[in-house]
Amino acid sequence: MKRIQNGYPQRKNQKVVQSVNKLGLTQDERAVTYTNAIGQTRVGEIRQFDPIDGHIVVYQGFEEPKQVEFLYDSASEVWKGVGEFAGFILNIDQNLIETPLTKTVDTDSSAKAVTVSRFPS
């Protein structure tokens, strides 16, 4: 009789392939730590990531509230807690999660729009 655990049959010399979710992260890579406002380190799991807005939602299953929101601070290059989570810092490897996009102004373009005629005169 074979035992089945987590949907994978237990056999010798069989490697378990870790699944990758929509974020492109494995289950181990989704696990992160963060420091709360009083300096305690907690563990959570990345559930949402928006690289354009620089927004991460971390799920923590042990305490209320269940979700902690972080925004990327480009000045200090740190993920900081938002709202009631002010003072929280997300400890994450920058190679794991891409740095959010920052707005830049193109200095080579003119400030005034130039109209180009489609029909030569």
PDB file of N, CA and C in Angstrom:
ATOM      1  N   MET A   1       0.841  -1.178   0.000  1.00  0.00           N
ATOM      2  CA  MET A   1       0.000   0.000   0.000  1.00  0.00           C
ATOM      3  C   MET A   1       0.887   1.242   0.000  1.00  0.00           C
ATOM      4  N   LYS A   2       0.645   2.135  -0.958  1.00  0.00           N
ATOM      5  CA  LYS A   2       1.442   3.349  -1.076  1.00  0.00           C
ATOM      6  C   LYS A   2       0.803   4.461  -0.268  1.00  0.00           C
ATOM      7  N   ARG A   3       1.643   5.239   0.376  1.00  0.00           N
ATOM      8  CA  ARG A   3       1.162   6.412   1.100  1.00  0.00           C
ATOM      9  C   ARG A   3       1.289   7.621   0.188  1.00  0.00           C
ATOM     10  N   ILE A   4       0.304   8.463   0.221  1.00  0.00           N
ATOM     11  CA  ILE A   4       0.333   9.682  -0.584  1.00  0.00           C
ATOM     12  C   ILE A   4       0.290  10.872   0.361  1.00  0.00           C
ATOM     13  N   GLN A   5       1.243  11.782   0.144  1.00  0.00           N
ATOM     14  CA  GLN A   5       1.316  12.984   0.969  1.00  0.00           C
ATOM     15  C   GLN A   5       1.397  14.191   0.048  1.00  0.00           C
ATOM     16  N   ASN A   6       0.543  15.153   0.254  1.00  0.00           N
ATOM     17  CA  ASN A   6       0.504  16.386  -0.531  1.00  0.00           C
ATOM     18  C   ASN A   6       0.323  16.118  -2.021  1.00  0.00           C
ATOM     19  N   GLY A   7      -0.353  15.043  -2.377  1.00  0.00           N
ATOM     20  CA  GLY A   7      -0.644  14.772  -3.770  1.00  0.00           C
ATOM     21  C   GLY A   7       0.488  14.124  -4.532  1.00  0.00           C
ATOM     22  N   TYR A   8       1.623  13.870  -3.909  1.00  0.00           N
ATOM     23  CA  TYR A   8       2.746  13.243  -4.580  1.00  0.00           C
ATOM     24  C   TYR A   8       2.973  11.854  -3.993  1.00  0.00           C
ATOM     25  N   PRO A   9       3.078  10.822  -4.813  1.00  0.00           N
ATOM     26  CA  PRO A   9       3.384   9.498  -4.273  1.00  0.00           C
ATOM     27  C   PRO A   9       4.808   9.471  -3.739  1.00  0.00           C
ATOM     28  N   GLN A  10       5.008   8.793  -2.641  1.00  0.00           N
ATOM     29  CA  GLN A  10       6.342   8.695  -2.057  1.00  0.00           C
ATOM     30  C   GLN A  10       7.064   7.511  -2.687  1.00  0.00           C
ATOM     31  N   ARG A  11       8.027   7.787  -3.508  1.00  0.00           N
ATOM     32  CA  ARG A  11       8.833   6.763  -4.162  1.00  0.00           C
ATOM     33  C   ARG A  11      10.292   7.125  -3.990  1.00  0.00           C
ATOM     34  N   LYS A  12      11.115   6.125  -4.088  1.00  0.00           N
ATOM     35  CA  LYS A  12      12.548   6.382  -4.004  1.00  0.00           C
ATOM     36  C   LYS A  12      13.003   7.089  -5.272  1.00  0.00           C
ATOM     37  N   ASN A  13      13.976   7.966  -5.096  1.00  0.00           N
ATOM     38  CA  ASN A  13      14.602   8.699  -6.197  1.00  0.00           C
ATOM     39  C   ASN A  13      13.611   9.554  -6.995  1.00  0.00           C
ATOM     40  N   GLN A  14      12.557  10.005  -6.373  1.00  0.00           N
ATOM     41  CA  GLN A  14      11.616  10.881  -7.057  1.00  0.00           C
ATOM     42  C   GLN A  14      11.739  12.279  -6.459  1.00  0.00           C
ATOM     43  N   LYS A  15      11.955  13.250  -7.326  1.00  0.00           N
ATOM     44  CA  LYS A  15      12.069  14.632  -6.878  1.00  0.00           C
ATOM     45  C   LYS A  15      10.699  15.295  -6.940  1.00  0.00           C
ATOM     46  N   VAL A  16      10.402  16.071  -5.927  1.00  0.00           N
ATOM     47  CA  VAL A  16       9.152  16.817  -5.897  1.00  0.00           C
ATOM     48  C   VAL A  16       9.412  18.171  -6.547  1.00  0.00           C
ATOM     49  N   VAL A  17       8.660  18.469  -7.575  1.00  0.00           N
ATOM     50  CA  VAL A  17       8.809  19.730  -8.280  1.00  0.00           C
ATOM     51  C   VAL A  17       7.970  20.778  -7.565  1.00  0.00           C
ATOM     52  N   GLN A  18       8.616  21.896  -7.213  1.00  0.00           N
ATOM     53  CA  GLN A  18       7.879  22.955  -6.528  1.00  0.00           C
ATOM     54  C   GLN A  18       7.083  23.749  -7.551  1.00  0.00           C
ATOM     55  N   SER A  19       5.857  24.020  -7.211  1.00  0.00           N
ATOM     56  CA  SER A  19       4.993  24.755  -8.127  1.00  0.00           C
ATOM     57  C   SER A  19       5.310  26.243  -8.065  1.00  0.00           C
ATOM     58  N   VAL A  20       5.129  26.907  -9.187  1.00  0.00           N
ATOM     59  CA  VAL A  20       5.350  28.339  -9.287  1.00  0.00           C
ATOM     60  C   VAL A  20       3.984  28.983  -9.496  1.00  0.00           C
ATOM     61  N   ASN A  21       3.703  30.046  -8.740  1.00  0.00           N
ATOM     62  CA  ASN A  21       2.403  30.699  -8.850  1.00  0.00           C
ATOM     63  C   ASN A  21       2.454  31.836  -9.866  1.00  0.00           C
ATOM     64  N   LYS A  22       1.413  32.641  -9.918  1.00  0.00           N
ATOM     65  CA  LYS A  22       1.334  33.734 -10.883  1.00  0.00           C
ATOM     66  C   LYS A  22       2.392  34.799 -10.651  1.00  0.00           C
ATOM     67  N   LEU A  23       2.919  34.876  -9.439  1.00  0.00           N
ATOM     68  CA  LEU A  23       3.979  35.845  -9.154  1.00  0.00           C
ATOM     69  C   LEU A  23       5.323  35.388  -9.703  1.00  0.00           C
ATOM     70  N   GLY A  24       5.425  34.137 -10.117  1.00  0.00           N
ATOM     71  CA  GLY A  24       6.689  33.597 -10.594  1.00  0.00           C
ATOM     72  C   GLY A  24       7.602  33.183  -9.460  1.00  0.00           C
ATOM     73  N   LEU A  25       7.049  32.958  -8.276  1.00  0.00           N
ATOM     74  CA  LEU A  25       7.828  32.591  -7.103  1.00  0.00           C
ATOM     75  C   LEU A  25       7.419  31.205  -6.624  1.00  0.00           C
ATOM     76  N   THR A  26       8.382  30.455  -6.128  1.00  0.00           N
ATOM     77  CA  THR A  26       8.056  29.172  -5.521  1.00  0.00           C
ATOM     78  C   THR A  26       7.522  29.416  -4.114  1.00  0.00           C
ATOM     79  N   GLN A  27       7.048  28.358  -3.489  1.00  0.00           N
ATOM     80  CA  GLN A  27       6.478  28.493  -2.149  1.00  0.00           C
ATOM     81  C   GLN A  27       7.527  28.978  -1.153  1.00  0.00           C
ATOM     82  N   ASP A  28       8.770  28.510  -1.297  1.00  0.00           N
ATOM     83  CA  ASP A  28       9.838  28.956  -0.400  1.00  0.00           C
ATOM     84  C   ASP A  28      10.173  30.425  -0.615  1.00  0.00           C
ATOM     85  N   GLU A  29      10.128  30.882  -1.864  1.00  0.00           N
ATOM     86  CA  GLU A  29      10.465  32.272  -2.159  1.00  0.00           C
ATOM     87  C   GLU A  29       9.375  33.242  -1.706  1.00  0.00           C
ATOM     88  N   ARG A  30       8.142  32.772  -1.601  1.00  0.00           N
ATOM     89  CA  ARG A  30       7.050  33.647  -1.154  1.00  0.00           C
ATOM     90  C   ARG A  30       7.124  33.935   0.340  1.00  0.00           C
ATOM     91  N   ALA A  31       7.802  33.093   1.091  1.00  0.00           N
ATOM     92  CA  ALA A  31       7.915  33.298   2.540  1.00  0.00           C
ATOM     93  C   ALA A  31       8.898  34.433   2.811  1.00  0.00           C
ATOM     94  N   VAL A  32       8.448  35.441   3.555  1.00  0.00           N
ATOM     95  CA  VAL A  32       9.279  36.604   3.869  1.00  0.00           C
ATOM     96  C   VAL A  32       9.161  36.917   5.356  1.00  0.00           C
ATOM     97  N   THR A  33      10.090  37.720   5.832  1.00  0.00           N
ATOM     98  CA  THR A  33      10.011  38.205   7.206  1.00  0.00           C
ATOM     99  C   THR A  33       9.840  39.718   7.173  1.00  0.00           C
ATOM    100  N   TYR A  34       9.230  40.228   8.216  1.00  0.00           N
ATOM    101  CA  TYR A  34       9.095  41.670   8.360  1.00  0.00           C
ATOM    102  C   TYR A  34       9.237  42.016   9.830  1.00  0.00           C
ATOM    103  N   THR A  35       9.606  43.258  10.082  1.00  0.00           N
ATOM    104  CA  THR A  35       9.768  43.756  11.440  1.00  0.00           C
ATOM    105  C   THR A  35       8.604  44.685  11.737  1.00  0.00           C
ATOM    106  N   ASN A  36       7.919  44.453  12.860  1.00  0.00           N
ATOM    107  CA  ASN A  36       6.777  45.313  13.194  1.00  0.00           C
ATOM    108  C   ASN A  36       7.261  46.581  13.890  1.00  0.00           C
ATOM    109  N   ALA A  37       6.334  47.420  14.308  1.00  0.00           N
ATOM    110  CA  ALA A  37       6.664  48.740  14.856  1.00  0.00           C
ATOM    111  C   ALA A  37       7.452  48.665  16.158  1.00  0.00           C
ATOM    112  N   ILE A  38       7.329  47.566  16.915  1.00  0.00           N
ATOM    113  CA  ILE A  38       8.065  47.453  18.179  1.00  0.00           C
ATOM    114  C   ILE A  38       9.320  46.595  18.041  1.00  0.00           C
ATOM    115  N   GLY A  39       9.699  46.272  16.795  1.00  0.00           N
ATOM    116  CA  GLY A  39      10.958  45.585  16.543  1.00  0.00           C
ATOM    117  C   GLY A  39      10.899  44.072  16.548  1.00  0.00           C
ATOM    118  N   GLN A  40       9.717  43.480  16.617  1.00  0.00           N
ATOM    119  CA  GLN A  40       9.599  42.025  16.583  1.00  0.00           C
ATOM    120  C   GLN A  40       9.605  41.544  15.135  1.00  0.00           C
ATOM    121  N   THR A  41      10.302  40.443  14.882  1.00  0.00           N
ATOM    122  CA  THR A  41      10.342  39.864  13.548  1.00  0.00           C
ATOM    123  C   THR A  41       9.212  38.858  13.396  1.00  0.00           C
ATOM    124  N   ARG A  42       8.462  38.988  12.314  1.00  0.00           N
ATOM    125  CA  ARG A  42       7.331  38.112  12.020  1.00  0.00           C
ATOM    126  C   ARG A  42       7.517  37.478  10.645  1.00  0.00           C
ATOM    127  N   VAL A  43       6.801  36.381  10.410  1.00  0.00           N
ATOM    128  CA  VAL A  43       6.879  35.665   9.136  1.00  0.00           C
ATOM    129  C   VAL A  43       5.553  35.816   8.413  1.00  0.00           C
ATOM    130  N   GLY A  44       5.621  35.991   7.098  1.00  0.00           N
ATOM    131  CA  GLY A  44       4.417  36.094   6.284  1.00  0.00           C
ATOM    132  C   GLY A  44       4.661  35.520   4.904  1.00  0.00           C
ATOM    133  N   GLU A  45       3.642  35.583   4.074  1.00  0.00           N
ATOM    134  CA  GLU A  45       3.721  35.056   2.714  1.00  0.00           C
ATOM    135  C   GLU A  45       3.228  36.122   1.748  1.00  0.00           C
ATOM    136  N   ILE A  46       3.984  36.363   0.680  1.00  0.00           N
ATOM    137  CA  ILE A  46       3.591  37.348  -0.321  1.00  0.00           C
ATOM    138  C   ILE A  46       2.373  36.810  -1.065  1.00  0.00           C
ATOM    139  N   ARG A  47       1.297  37.591  -1.057  1.00  0.00           N
ATOM    140  CA  ARG A  47       0.084  37.183  -1.766  1.00  0.00           C
ATOM    141  C   ARG A  47      -0.176  38.061  -2.988  1.00  0.00           C
ATOM    142  N   GLN A  48       0.195  39.338  -2.921  1.00  0.00           N
ATOM    143  CA  GLN A  48       0.007  40.241  -4.056  1.00  0.00           C
ATOM    144  C   GLN A  48       1.258  41.083  -4.224  1.00  0.00           C
ATOM    145  N   PHE A  49       1.602  41.345  -5.487  1.00  0.00           N
ATOM    146  CA  PHE A  49       2.752  42.192  -5.783  1.00  0.00           C
ATOM    147  C   PHE A  49       2.437  42.999  -7.030  1.00  0.00           C
ATOM    148  N   ASP A  50       2.563  44.314  -6.934  1.00  0.00           N
ATOM    149  CA  ASP A  50       2.332  45.205  -8.064  1.00  0.00           C
ATOM    150  C   ASP A  50       3.607  46.008  -8.303  1.00  0.00           C
ATOM    151  N   PRO A  51       4.391  45.658  -9.348  1.00  0.00           N
ATOM    152  CA  PRO A  51       5.664  46.352  -9.578  1.00  0.00           C
ATOM    153  C   PRO A  51       5.496  47.782 -10.080  1.00  0.00           C
ATOM    154  N   ILE A  52       4.334  48.117 -10.625  1.00  0.00           N
ATOM    155  CA  ILE A  52       4.130  49.472 -11.134  1.00  0.00           C
ATOM    156  C   ILE A  52       3.872  50.434  -9.980  1.00  0.00           C
ATOM    157  N   ASP A  53       2.982  50.057  -9.081  1.00  0.00           N
ATOM    158  CA  ASP A  53       2.682  50.906  -7.923  1.00  0.00           C
ATOM    159  C   ASP A  53       3.675  50.719  -6.787  1.00  0.00           C
ATOM    160  N   GLY A  54       4.426  49.619  -6.790  1.00  0.00           N
ATOM    161  CA  GLY A  54       5.334  49.328  -5.681  1.00  0.00           C
ATOM    162  C   GLY A  54       4.575  48.912  -4.444  1.00  0.00           C
ATOM    163  N   HIS A  55       3.640  47.989  -4.603  1.00  0.00           N
ATOM    164  CA  HIS A  55       2.736  47.582  -3.527  1.00  0.00           C
ATOM    165  C   HIS A  55       2.834  46.072  -3.321  1.00  0.00           C
ATOM    166  N   ILE A  56       3.030  45.649  -2.074  1.00  0.00           N
ATOM    167  CA  ILE A  56       3.064  44.226  -1.720  1.00  0.00           C
ATOM    168  C   ILE A  56       2.079  43.995  -0.584  1.00  0.00           C
ATOM    169  N   VAL A  57       1.299  42.924  -0.694  1.00  0.00           N
ATOM    170  CA  VAL A  57       0.417  42.494   0.386  1.00  0.00           C
ATOM    171  C   VAL A  57       0.972  41.182   0.918  1.00  0.00           C
ATOM    172  N   VAL A  58       1.270  41.164   2.220  1.00  0.00           N
ATOM    173  CA  VAL A  58       1.818  39.978   2.883  1.00  0.00           C
ATOM    174  C   VAL A  58       0.733  39.389   3.776  1.00  0.00           C
ATOM    175  N   TYR A  59       0.502  38.097   3.629  1.00  0.00           N
ATOM    176  CA  TYR A  59      -0.490  37.385   4.436  1.00  0.00           C
ATOM    177  C   TYR A  59       0.205  36.772   5.637  1.00  0.00           C
ATOM    178  N   GLN A  60      -0.365  36.979   6.807  1.00  0.00           N
ATOM    179  CA  GLN A  60       0.149  36.346   8.020  1.00  0.00           C
ATOM    180  C   GLN A  60      -0.998  35.581   8.652  1.00  0.00           C
ATOM    181  N   GLY A  61      -0.833  34.325   8.855  1.00  0.00           N
ATOM    182  CA  GLY A  61      -1.924  33.494   9.319  1.00  0.00           C
ATOM    183  C   GLY A  61      -2.064  33.381  10.817  1.00  0.00           C
ATOM    184  N   PHE A  62      -1.138  33.953  11.577  1.00  0.00           N
ATOM    185  CA  PHE A  62      -1.125  33.724  13.014  1.00  0.00           C
ATOM    186  C   PHE A  62      -1.795  34.819  13.826  1.00  0.00           C
ATOM    187  N   GLU A  63      -1.848  36.027  13.313  1.00  0.00           N
ATOM    188  CA  GLU A  63      -2.349  37.161  14.086  1.00  0.00           C
ATOM    189  C   GLU A  63      -3.370  37.948  13.276  1.00  0.00           C
ATOM    190  N   GLU A  64      -4.138  38.759  13.963  1.00  0.00           N
ATOM    191  CA  GLU A  64      -5.041  39.699  13.298  1.00  0.00           C
ATOM    192  C   GLU A  64      -4.325  41.030  13.204  1.00  0.00           C
ATOM    193  N   PRO A  65      -4.452  41.800  12.190  1.00  0.00           N
ATOM    194  CA  PRO A  65      -5.121  41.515  10.928  1.00  0.00           C
ATOM    195  C   PRO A  65      -4.319  40.522  10.101  1.00  0.00           C
ATOM    196  N   LYS A  66      -4.977  39.859   9.194  1.00  0.00           N
ATOM    197  CA  LYS A  66      -4.349  38.787   8.423  1.00  0.00           C
ATOM    198  C   LYS A  66      -3.430  39.303   7.322  1.00  0.00           C
ATOM    199  N   GLN A  67      -3.657  40.525   6.828  1.00  0.00           N
ATOM    200  CA  GLN A  67      -2.858  41.053   5.730  1.00  0.00           C
ATOM    201  C   GLN A  67      -2.156  42.338   6.144  1.00  0.00           C
ATOM    202  N   VAL A  68      -0.899  42.450   5.745  1.00  0.00           N
ATOM    203  CA  VAL A  68      -0.100  43.644   6.006  1.00  0.00           C
ATOM    204  C   VAL A  68       0.307  44.214   4.653  1.00  0.00           C
ATOM    205  N   GLU A  69       0.111  45.513   4.464  1.00  0.00           N
ATOM    206  CA  GLU A  69       0.416  46.152   3.189  1.00  0.00           C
ATOM    207  C   GLU A  69       1.705  46.955   3.293  1.00  0.00           C
ATOM    208  N   PHE A  70       2.523  46.864   2.234  1.00  0.00           N
ATOM    209  CA  PHE A  70       3.793  47.577   2.169  1.00  0.00           C
ATOM    210  C   PHE A  70       3.878  48.341   0.854  1.00  0.00           C
ATOM    211  N   LEU A  71       4.459  49.542   0.911  1.00  0.00           N
ATOM    212  CA  LEU A  71       4.771  50.330  -0.279  1.00  0.00           C
ATOM    213  C   LEU A  71       6.274  50.522  -0.348  1.00  0.00           C
ATOM    214  N   TYR A  72       6.798  50.583  -1.570  1.00  0.00           N
ATOM    215  CA  TYR A  72       8.237  50.748  -1.762  1.00  0.00           C
ATOM    216  C   TYR A  72       8.609  52.217  -1.636  1.00  0.00           C
ATOM    217  N   ASP A  73       9.585  52.512  -0.783  1.00  0.00           N
ATOM    218  CA  ASP A  73      10.109  53.866  -0.618  1.00  0.00           C
ATOM    219  C   ASP A  73      11.398  53.948  -1.427  1.00  0.00           C
ATOM    220  N   SER A  74      11.344  54.621  -2.576  1.00  0.00           N
ATOM    221  CA  SER A  74      12.506  54.651  -3.465  1.00  0.00           C
ATOM    222  C   SER A  74      13.651  55.481  -2.896  1.00  0.00           C
ATOM    223  N   ALA A  75      13.369  56.419  -1.995  1.00  0.00           N
ATOM    224  CA  ALA A  75      14.437  57.229  -1.401  1.00  0.00           C
ATOM    225  C   ALA A  75      15.338  56.378  -0.509  1.00  0.00           C
ATOM    226  N   SER A  76      14.734  55.530   0.312  1.00  0.00           N
ATOM    227  CA  SER A  76      15.529  54.684   1.213  1.00  0.00           C
ATOM    228  C   SER A  76      15.672  53.255   0.700  1.00  0.00           C
ATOM    229  N   GLU A  77      14.999  52.937  -0.440  1.00  0.00           N
ATOM    230  CA  GLU A  77      15.033  51.608  -1.055  1.00  0.00           C
ATOM    231  C   GLU A  77      14.610  50.517  -0.077  1.00  0.00           C
ATOM    232  N   VAL A  78      13.515  50.786   0.640  1.00  0.00           N
ATOM    233  CA  VAL A  78      12.987  49.863   1.649  1.00  0.00           C
ATOM    234  C   VAL A  78      11.480  49.748   1.447  1.00  0.00           C
ATOM    235  N   TRP A  79      10.936  48.565   1.720  1.00  0.00           N
ATOM    236  CA  TRP A  79       9.488  48.361   1.712  1.00  0.00           C
ATOM    237  C   TRP A  79       8.957  48.746   3.088  1.00  0.00           C
ATOM    238  N   LYS A  80       8.073  49.770   3.156  1.00  0.00           N
ATOM    239  CA  LYS A  80       7.560  50.271   4.430  1.00  0.00           C
ATOM    240  C   LYS A  80       6.064  50.005   4.547  1.00  0.00           C
ATOM    241  N   GLY A  81       5.628  49.767   5.784  1.00  0.00           N
ATOM    242  CA  GLY A  81       4.218  49.524   6.060  1.00  0.00           C
ATOM    243  C   GLY A  81       3.372  50.756   5.814  1.00  0.00           C
ATOM    244  N   VAL A  82       2.088  50.527   5.502  1.00  0.00           N
ATOM    245  CA  VAL A  82       1.164  51.600   5.149  1.00  0.00           C
ATOM    246  C   VAL A  82       0.046  51.675   6.184  1.00  0.00           C
ATOM    247  N   GLY A  83      -0.418  52.893   6.497  1.00  0.00           N
ATOM    248  CA  GLY A  83      -1.571  53.095   7.374  1.00  0.00           C
ATOM    249  C   GLY A  83      -1.301  52.622   8.788  1.00  0.00           C
ATOM    250  N   GLU A  84      -2.145  51.704   9.270  1.00  0.00           N
ATOM    251  CA  GLU A  84      -1.981  51.188  10.630  1.00  0.00           C
ATOM    252  C   GLU A  84      -0.697  50.375  10.787  1.00  0.00           C
ATOM    253  N   PHE A  85      -0.045  50.050   9.686  1.00  0.00           N
ATOM    254  CA  PHE A  85       1.198  49.284   9.721  1.00  0.00           C
ATOM    255  C   PHE A  85       2.422  50.187   9.584  1.00  0.00           C
ATOM    256  N   ALA A  86       2.269  51.483   9.823  1.00  0.00           N
ATOM    257  CA  ALA A  86       3.400  52.410   9.762  1.00  0.00           C
ATOM    258  C   ALA A  86       4.453  51.965  10.767  1.00  0.00           C
ATOM    259  N   GLY A  87       5.684  51.957  10.337  1.00  0.00           N
ATOM    260  CA  GLY A  87       6.777  51.491  11.185  1.00  0.00           C
ATOM    261  C   GLY A  87       7.180  50.059  10.883  1.00  0.00           C
ATOM    262  N   PHE A  88       6.384  49.347  10.086  1.00  0.00           N
ATOM    263  CA  PHE A  88       6.732  47.989   9.682  1.00  0.00           C
ATOM    264  C   PHE A  88       7.727  48.065   8.527  1.00  0.00           C
ATOM    265  N   ILE A  89       8.703  47.176   8.520  1.00  0.00           N
ATOM    266  CA  ILE A  89       9.703  47.104   7.453  1.00  0.00           C
ATOM    267  C   ILE A  89       9.726  45.674   6.922  1.00  0.00           C
ATOM    268  N   LEU A  90       9.621  45.522   5.592  1.00  0.00           N
ATOM    269  CA  LEU A  90       9.661  44.203   4.968  1.00  0.00           C
ATOM    270  C   LEU A  90      11.104  43.836   4.670  1.00  0.00           C
ATOM    271  N   ASN A  91      11.543  42.683   5.162  1.00  0.00           N
ATOM    272  CA  ASN A  91      12.901  42.194   4.916  1.00  0.00           C
ATOM    273  C   ASN A  91      12.831  41.233   3.737  1.00  0.00           C
ATOM    274  N   ILE A  92      13.263  41.714   2.577  1.00  0.00           N
ATOM    275  CA  ILE A  92      13.154  40.897   1.369  1.00  0.00           C
ATOM    276  C   ILE A  92      14.396  41.082   0.523  1.00  0.00           C
ATOM    277  N   ASP A  93      14.799  40.028  -0.144  1.00  0.00           N
ATOM    278  CA  ASP A  93      15.956  40.060  -1.027  1.00  0.00           C
ATOM    279  C   ASP A  93      15.581  40.834  -2.291  1.00  0.00           C
ATOM    280  N   GLN A  94      16.321  41.882  -2.618  1.00  0.00           N
ATOM    281  CA  GLN A  94      16.006  42.695  -3.791  1.00  0.00           C
ATOM    282  C   GLN A  94      16.210  41.925  -5.089  1.00  0.00           C
ATOM    283  N   ASN A  95      16.984  40.840  -5.065  1.00  0.00           N
ATOM    284  CA  ASN A  95      17.148  40.022  -6.262  1.00  0.00           C
ATOM    285  C   ASN A  95      15.923  39.148  -6.498  1.00  0.00           C
ATOM    286  N   LEU A  96      15.157  38.902  -5.451  1.00  0.00           N
ATOM    287  CA  LEU A  96      13.967  38.063  -5.551  1.00  0.00           C
ATOM    288  C   LEU A  96      12.794  38.838  -6.149  1.00  0.00           C
ATOM    289  N   ILE A  97      12.561  40.027  -5.659  1.00  0.00           N
ATOM    290  CA  ILE A  97      11.469  40.882  -6.141  1.00  0.00           C
ATOM    291  C   ILE A  97      12.092  42.062  -6.864  1.00  0.00           C
ATOM    292  N   GLU A  98      11.622  42.322  -8.066  1.00  0.00           N
ATOM    293  CA  GLU A  98      12.174  43.429  -8.836  1.00  0.00           C
ATOM    294  C   GLU A  98      11.836  44.767  -8.186  1.00  0.00           C
ATOM    295  N   THR A  99      12.707  45.726  -8.382  1.00  0.00           N
ATOM    296  CA  THR A  99      12.481  47.069  -7.851  1.00  0.00           C
ATOM    297  C   THR A  99      11.354  47.723  -8.643  1.00  0.00           C
ATOM    298  N   PRO A 100      10.392  48.328  -7.966  1.00  0.00           N
ATOM    299  CA  PRO A 100       9.279  48.957  -8.679  1.00  0.00           C
ATOM    300  C   PRO A 100       9.738  50.072  -9.615  1.00  0.00           C
ATOM    301  N   LEU A 101       8.914  50.347 -10.592  1.00  0.00           N
ATOM    302  CA  LEU A 101       9.216  51.376 -11.575  1.00  0.00           C
ATOM    303  C   LEU A 101       9.177  52.749 -10.928  1.00  0.00           C
ATOM    304  N   THR A 102      10.064  53.618 -11.375  1.00  0.00           N
ATOM    305  CA  THR A 102      10.057  54.998 -10.892  1.00  0.00           C
ATOM    306  C   THR A 102       9.805  55.927 -12.073  1.00  0.00           C
ATOM    307  N   LYS A 103       9.079  56.994 -11.805  1.00  0.00           N
ATOM    308  CA  LYS A 103       8.745  57.947 -12.856  1.00  0.00           C
ATOM    309  C   LYS A 103       9.955  58.815 -13.150  1.00  0.00           C
ATOM    310  N   THR A 104      10.286  58.948 -14.425  1.00  0.00           N
ATOM    311  CA  THR A 104      11.373  59.825 -14.846  1.00  0.00           C
ATOM    312  C   THR A 104      10.849  60.778 -15.910  1.00  0.00           C
ATOM    313  N   VAL A 105      11.469  61.933 -15.999  1.00  0.00           N
ATOM    314  CA  VAL A 105      11.092  62.931 -16.989  1.00  0.00           C
ATOM    315  C   VAL A 105      12.140  62.916 -18.084  1.00  0.00           C
ATOM    316  N   ASP A 106      11.677  62.823 -19.321  1.00  0.00           N
ATOM    317  CA  ASP A 106      12.582  62.809 -20.463  1.00  0.00           C
ATOM    318  C   ASP A 106      13.053  64.232 -20.722  1.00  0.00           C
ATOM    319  N   THR A 107      14.339  64.487 -20.513  1.00  0.00           N
ATOM    320  CA  THR A 107      14.876  65.842 -20.678  1.00  0.00           C
ATOM    321  C   THR A 107      15.181  66.164 -22.129  1.00  0.00           C
ATOM    322  N   ASP A 108      15.238  65.161 -22.997  1.00  0.00           N
ATOM    323  CA  ASP A 108      15.555  65.413 -24.404  1.00  0.00           C
ATOM    324  C   ASP A 108      14.347  65.898 -25.202  1.00  0.00           C
ATOM    325  N   SER A 109      13.154  65.700 -24.699  1.00  0.00           N
ATOM    326  CA  SER A 109      11.962  66.111 -25.446  1.00  0.00           C
ATOM    327  C   SER A 109      11.617  67.562 -25.112  1.00  0.00           C
ATOM    328  N   SER A 110      10.939  68.206 -26.050  1.00  0.00           N
ATOM    329  CA  SER A 110      10.556  69.597 -25.827  1.00  0.00           C
ATOM    330  C   SER A 110       9.334  69.653 -24.924  1.00  0.00           C
ATOM    331  N   ALA A 111       9.160  70.790 -24.268  1.00  0.00           N
ATOM    332  CA  ALA A 111       8.037  70.951 -23.355  1.00  0.00           C
ATOM    333  C   ALA A 111       6.734  71.161 -24.123  1.00  0.00           C
ATOM    334  N   LYS A 112       6.848  71.632 -25.352  1.00  0.00           N
ATOM    335  CA  LYS A 112       5.659  71.905 -26.152  1.00  0.00           C
ATOM    336  C   LYS A 112       5.526  70.830 -27.231  1.00  0.00           C
ATOM    337  N   ALA A 113       4.313  70.372 -27.440  1.00  0.00           N
ATOM    338  CA  ALA A 113       4.069  69.364 -28.469  1.00  0.00           C
ATOM    339  C   ALA A 113       4.228  69.976 -29.854  1.00  0.00           C
ATOM    340  N   VAL A 114       4.810  69.225 -30.766  1.00  0.00           N
ATOM    341  CA  VAL A 114       5.015  69.685 -32.137  1.00  0.00           C
ATOM    342  C   VAL A 114       4.094  68.881 -33.041  1.00  0.00           C
ATOM    343  N   THR A 115       3.267  69.591 -33.813  1.00  0.00           N
ATOM    344  CA  THR A 115       2.348  68.924 -34.725  1.00  0.00           C
ATOM    345  C   THR A 115       3.057  68.663 -36.043  1.00  0.00           C
ATOM    346  N   VAL A 116       2.920  67.456 -36.530  1.00  0.00           N
ATOM    347  CA  VAL A 116       3.526  67.082 -37.806  1.00  0.00           C
ATOM    348  C   VAL A 116       2.392  66.809 -38.781  1.00  0.00           C
ATOM    349  N   SER A 117       2.445  67.451 -39.934  1.00  0.00           N
ATOM    350  CA  SER A 117       1.402  67.264 -40.931  1.00  0.00           C
ATOM    351  C   SER A 117       1.601  65.935 -41.647  1.00  0.00           C
ATOM    352  N   ARG A 118       0.503  65.239 -41.884  1.00  0.00           N
ATOM    353  CA  ARG A 118       0.594  63.965 -42.600  1.00  0.00           C
ATOM    354  C   ARG A 118       0.704  64.188 -44.101  1.00  0.00           C
ATOM    355  N   PHE A 119       0.240  65.335 -44.567  1.00  0.00           N
ATOM    356  CA  PHE A 119       0.233  65.598 -45.997  1.00  0.00           C
ATOM    357  C   PHE A 119       1.191  66.743 -46.299  1.00  0.00           C
ATOM    358  N   PRO A 120       2.226  66.487 -47.091  1.00  0.00           N
ATOM    359  CA  PRO A 120       3.152  67.586 -47.421  1.00  0.00           C
ATOM    360  C   PRO A 120       2.459  68.632 -48.300  1.00  0.00           C
ATOM    361  N   SER A 121       2.852  69.878 -48.124  1.00  0.00           N
ATOM    362  CA  SER A 121       2.209  70.937 -48.918  1.00  0.00           C
ATOM    363  C   SER A 121       2.994  71.276 -50.157  1.00  0.00           C
TER     364      SER A 121
END
